[in-house]
C-alpha atoms as a PDB file:
ATOM      1  CA  UNK A   1     -28.226 -22.989  46.931  1.00  0.00           C
ATOM      2  CA  UNK A   2     -27.212 -22.841  43.181  1.00  0.00           C
ATOM      3  CA  UNK A   3     -24.577 -20.782  42.329  1.00  0.00           C
ATOM      4  CA  UNK A   4     -24.673 -18.076  39.637  1.00  0.00           C
ATOM      5  CA  UNK A   5     -22.371 -18.405  36.980  1.00  0.00           C
ATOM      6  CA  UNK A   6     -20.754 -14.848  36.502  1.00  0.00           C
ATOM      7  CA  UNK A   7     -21.152 -13.712  32.822  1.00  0.00           C
ATOM      8  CA  UNK A   8     -18.256 -11.950  30.680  1.00  0.00           C
ATOM      9  CA  UNK A   9     -19.599  -9.781  27.979  1.00  0.00           C
ATOM     10  CA  UNK A  10     -17.369  -9.202  25.049  1.00  0.00           C
ATOM     11  CA  UNK A  11     -17.289  -5.274  23.734  1.00  0.00           C
ATOM     12  CA  UNK A  12     -19.166  -4.741  20.633  1.00  0.00           C
ATOM     13  CA  UNK A  13     -17.088  -4.511  17.323  1.00  0.00           C
ATOM     14  CA  UNK A  14     -18.184  -2.167  14.790  1.00  0.00           C
ATOM     15  CA  UNK A  15     -16.514  -2.842  11.660  1.00  0.00           C
ATOM     16  CA  UNK A  16     -18.014  -0.023   9.810  1.00  0.00           C
ATOM     17  CA  UNK A  17     -14.919   1.493   8.647  1.00  0.00           C
ATOM     18  CA  UNK A  18     -13.224  -1.945   7.649  1.00  0.00           C
ATOM     19  CA  UNK A  19     -16.244  -2.718   5.401  1.00  0.00           C
ATOM     20  CA  UNK A  20     -16.134   1.062   4.180  1.00  0.00           C
ATOM     21  CA  UNK A  21     -12.441   0.571   3.094  1.00  0.00           C
ATOM     22  CA  UNK A  22     -13.217  -2.746   1.358  1.00  0.00           C
ATOM     23  CA  UNK A  23     -15.984  -1.288  -0.637  1.00  0.00           C
ATOM     24  CA  UNK A  24     -14.440   1.607  -1.517  1.00  0.00           C
ATOM     25  CA  UNK A  25     -11.150  -0.176  -3.085  1.00  0.00           C
ATOM     26  CA  UNK A  26     -13.354  -2.431  -5.380  1.00  0.00           C
ATOM     27  CA  UNK A  27     -15.385   0.575  -6.504  1.00  0.00           C
ATOM     28  CA  UNK A  28     -12.076   2.351  -7.006  1.00  0.00           C
ATOM     29  CA  UNK A  29     -11.099  -0.735  -9.266  1.00  0.00           C
ATOM     30  CA  UNK A  30     -14.323  -0.475 -11.126  1.00  0.00           C
ATOM     31  CA  UNK A  31     -14.387   3.298 -11.751  1.00  0.00           C
ATOM     32  CA  UNK A  32     -13.802   3.011 -15.379  1.00  0.00           C
ATOM     33  CA  UNK A  33     -16.652   0.439 -15.740  1.00  0.00           C
ATOM     34  CA  UNK A  34     -20.101   1.244 -17.657  1.00  0.00           C
ATOM     35  CA  UNK A  35     -23.278   1.530 -16.269  1.00  0.00           C
ATOM     36  CA  UNK A  36     -24.175   0.762 -12.353  1.00  0.00           C
ATOM     37  CA  UNK A  37     -21.174  -1.411 -11.954  1.00  0.00           C
ATOM     38  CA  UNK A  38     -19.014   1.705 -11.099  1.00  0.00           C
ATOM     39  CA  UNK A  39     -21.617   2.756  -8.597  1.00  0.00           C
ATOM     40  CA  UNK A  40     -23.298  -0.133  -7.149  1.00  0.00           C
ATOM     41  CA  UNK A  41     -20.912  -2.392  -4.886  1.00  0.00           C
ATOM     42  CA  UNK A  42     -22.612  -5.698  -5.742  1.00  0.00           C
ATOM     43  CA  UNK A  43     -22.387  -5.329  -9.475  1.00  0.00           C
ATOM     44  CA  UNK A  44     -19.053  -3.967  -9.150  1.00  0.00           C
ATOM     45  CA  UNK A  45     -17.750  -6.448  -7.184  1.00  0.00           C
ATOM     46  CA  UNK A  46     -19.345  -9.085  -9.489  1.00  0.00           C
ATOM     47  CA  UNK A  47     -17.446  -7.340 -12.887  1.00  0.00           C
ATOM     48  CA  UNK A  48     -14.313  -6.585 -10.565  1.00  0.00           C
ATOM     49  CA  UNK A  49     -13.698 -10.345 -10.001  1.00  0.00           C
ATOM     50  CA  UNK A  50     -14.784 -11.044 -13.487  1.00  0.00           C
ATOM     51  CA  UNK A  51     -12.487  -8.759 -14.812  1.00  0.00           C
ATOM     52  CA  UNK A  52      -9.585 -10.215 -12.738  1.00  0.00           C
ATOM     53  CA  UNK A  53     -10.477 -13.744 -13.877  1.00  0.00           C
ATOM     54  CA  UNK A  54     -10.103 -12.398 -17.367  1.00  0.00           C
ATOM     55  CA  UNK A  55      -6.805 -10.641 -16.987  1.00  0.00           C
ATOM     56  CA  UNK A  56      -5.326 -13.581 -15.425  1.00  0.00           C
ATOM     57  CA  UNK A  57      -6.545 -15.744 -18.133  1.00  0.00           C
ATOM     58  CA  UNK A  58      -5.031 -13.116 -20.893  1.00  0.00           C
ATOM     59  CA  UNK A  59      -2.000 -13.362 -19.524  1.00  0.00           C
ATOM     60  CA  UNK A  60      -1.786 -16.855 -19.954  1.00  0.00           C
ATOM     61  CA  UNK A  61      -2.576 -16.602 -23.625  1.00  0.00           C
ATOM     62  CA  UNK A  62      -0.272 -14.257 -24.373  1.00  0.00           C
ATOM     63  CA  UNK A  63       2.514 -16.197 -23.312  1.00  0.00           C
ATOM     64  CA  UNK A  64       0.629 -18.966 -25.940  1.00  0.00           C
ATOM     65  CA  UNK A  65       0.360 -16.286 -28.830  1.00  0.00           C
ATOM     66  CA  UNK A  66       3.937 -14.988 -28.297  1.00  0.00           C
ATOM     67  CA  UNK A  67       5.385 -18.463 -28.730  1.00  0.00           C
ATOM     68  CA  UNK A  68       3.218 -19.134 -32.160  1.00  0.00           C
ATOM     69  CA  UNK A  69       4.612 -16.011 -33.152  1.00  0.00           C
ATOM     70  CA  UNK A  70       8.527 -17.044 -32.441  1.00  0.00           C
ATOM     71  CA  UNK A  71       7.806 -20.653 -34.087  1.00  0.00           C
ATOM     72  CA  UNK A  72       6.342 -18.804 -37.084  1.00  0.00           C
ATOM     73  CA  UNK A  73       9.380 -16.613 -37.656  1.00  0.00           C
ATOM     74  CA  UNK A  74      11.591 -19.345 -37.162  1.00  0.00           C
ATOM     75  CA  UNK A  75       9.553 -21.750 -39.688  1.00  0.00           C
ATOM     76  CA  UNK A  76       9.749 -19.002 -42.404  1.00  0.00           C
ATOM     77  CA  UNK A  77      13.584 -18.440 -41.798  1.00  0.00           C
ATOM     78  CA  UNK A  78      13.866 -22.336 -42.163  1.00  0.00           C
ATOM     79  CA  UNK A  79      11.811 -22.322 -45.802  1.00  0.00           C
ATOM     80  CA  UNK A  80      14.087 -19.852 -46.986  1.00  0.00           C
ATOM     81  CA  UNK A  81      16.886 -22.564 -46.227  1.00  0.00           C
ATOM     82  CA  UNK A  82      14.852 -25.048 -47.957  1.00  0.00           C
ATOM     83  CA  UNK A  83      14.482 -26.822 -44.603  1.00  0.00           C
ATOM     84  CA  UNK A  84      11.769 -27.929 -42.011  1.00  0.00           C
ATOM     85  CA  UNK A  85      11.310 -26.160 -38.802  1.00  0.00           C
ATOM     86  CA  UNK A  86      11.792 -29.596 -36.872  1.00  0.00           C
ATOM     87  CA  UNK A  87      14.931 -30.251 -39.347  1.00  0.00           C
ATOM     88  CA  UNK A  88      16.234 -26.745 -38.192  1.00  0.00           C
ATOM     89  CA  UNK A  89      15.787 -27.361 -34.694  1.00  0.00           C
ATOM     90  CA  UNK A  90      17.366 -30.378 -34.773  1.00  0.00           C
ATOM     91  CA  UNK A  91      20.264 -29.266 -36.536  1.00  0.00           C
ATOM     92  CA  UNK A  92      20.699 -26.467 -33.697  1.00  0.00           C
ATOM     93  CA  UNK A  93      20.547 -29.134 -30.994  1.00  0.00           C
ATOM     94  CA  UNK A  94      22.818 -31.245 -32.443  1.00  0.00           C
ATOM     95  CA  UNK A  95      25.333 -28.725 -32.831  1.00  0.00           C
ATOM     96  CA  UNK A  96      24.726 -27.508 -28.941  1.00  0.00           C
ATOM     97  CA  UNK A  97      23.296 -24.476 -29.517  1.00  0.00           C
ATOM     98  CA  UNK A  98      21.279 -23.913 -26.484  1.00  0.00           C
ATOM     99  CA  UNK A  99      19.091 -20.777 -27.824  1.00  0.00           C
ATOM    100  CA  UNK A 100      15.469 -20.374 -27.141  1.00  0.00           C
ATOM    101  CA  UNK A 101      12.558 -19.724 -29.686  1.00  0.00           C
ATOM    102  CA  UNK A 102      12.374 -16.085 -28.424  1.00  0.00           C
ATOM    103  CA  UNK A 103      16.196 -15.566 -29.179  1.00  0.00           C
ATOM    104  CA  UNK A 104      16.536 -17.241 -31.905  1.00  0.00           C
ATOM    105  CA  UNK A 105      13.502 -15.244 -33.743  1.00  0.00           C
ATOM    106  CA  UNK A 106      15.469 -12.376 -32.208  1.00  0.00           C
ATOM    107  CA  UNK A 107      18.517 -13.183 -34.020  1.00  0.00           C
ATOM    108  CA  UNK A 108      16.131 -13.856 -37.236  1.00  0.00           C
ATOM    109  CA  UNK A 109      14.833 -10.559 -37.323  1.00  0.00           C
ATOM    110  CA  UNK A 110      18.079  -8.780 -36.997  1.00  0.00           C
ATOM    111  CA  UNK A 111      19.597 -10.875 -39.510  1.00  0.00           C
ATOM    112  CA  UNK A 112      22.289 -12.436 -37.378  1.00  0.00           C
ATOM    113  CA  UNK A 113      20.928 -16.291 -37.336  1.00  0.00           C
ATOM    114  CA  UNK A 114      22.420 -17.031 -40.965  1.00  0.00           C
ATOM    115  CA  UNK A 115      25.928 -17.666 -38.654  1.00  0.00           C
ATOM    116  CA  UNK A 116      24.265 -20.510 -36.924  1.00  0.00           C
ATOM    117  CA  UNK A 117      23.027 -22.545 -39.451  1.00  0.00           C
ATOM    118  CA  UNK A 118      25.665 -24.467 -41.485  1.00  0.00           C
ATOM    119  CA  UNK A 119      23.623 -24.500 -44.817  1.00  0.00           C
END
């Protein structure tokens, strides 16, 4: 005779509240969106993911824009002293002034940068 194998059944897992919490979290983020994007989960989820993607890009872009602003300020200061941006930066580097562009542009705004340059 063949022996019957004893089957072990796992208990049923209901994940209703886990899914509900996940959807609720996304809908809370999407609360200010227009149209059905703040009420329906599918469209809200797509919009939230896209919004997060654009927010990430924006944070990277903001750093780029600020660097451009700092360089423009330093270039304007260099033009006042009848020199180019690259020559000014080279002069600062050769005189061992280890200021970054952000700090240098701040000094220029406050009017204290003329101390740094010999000319």
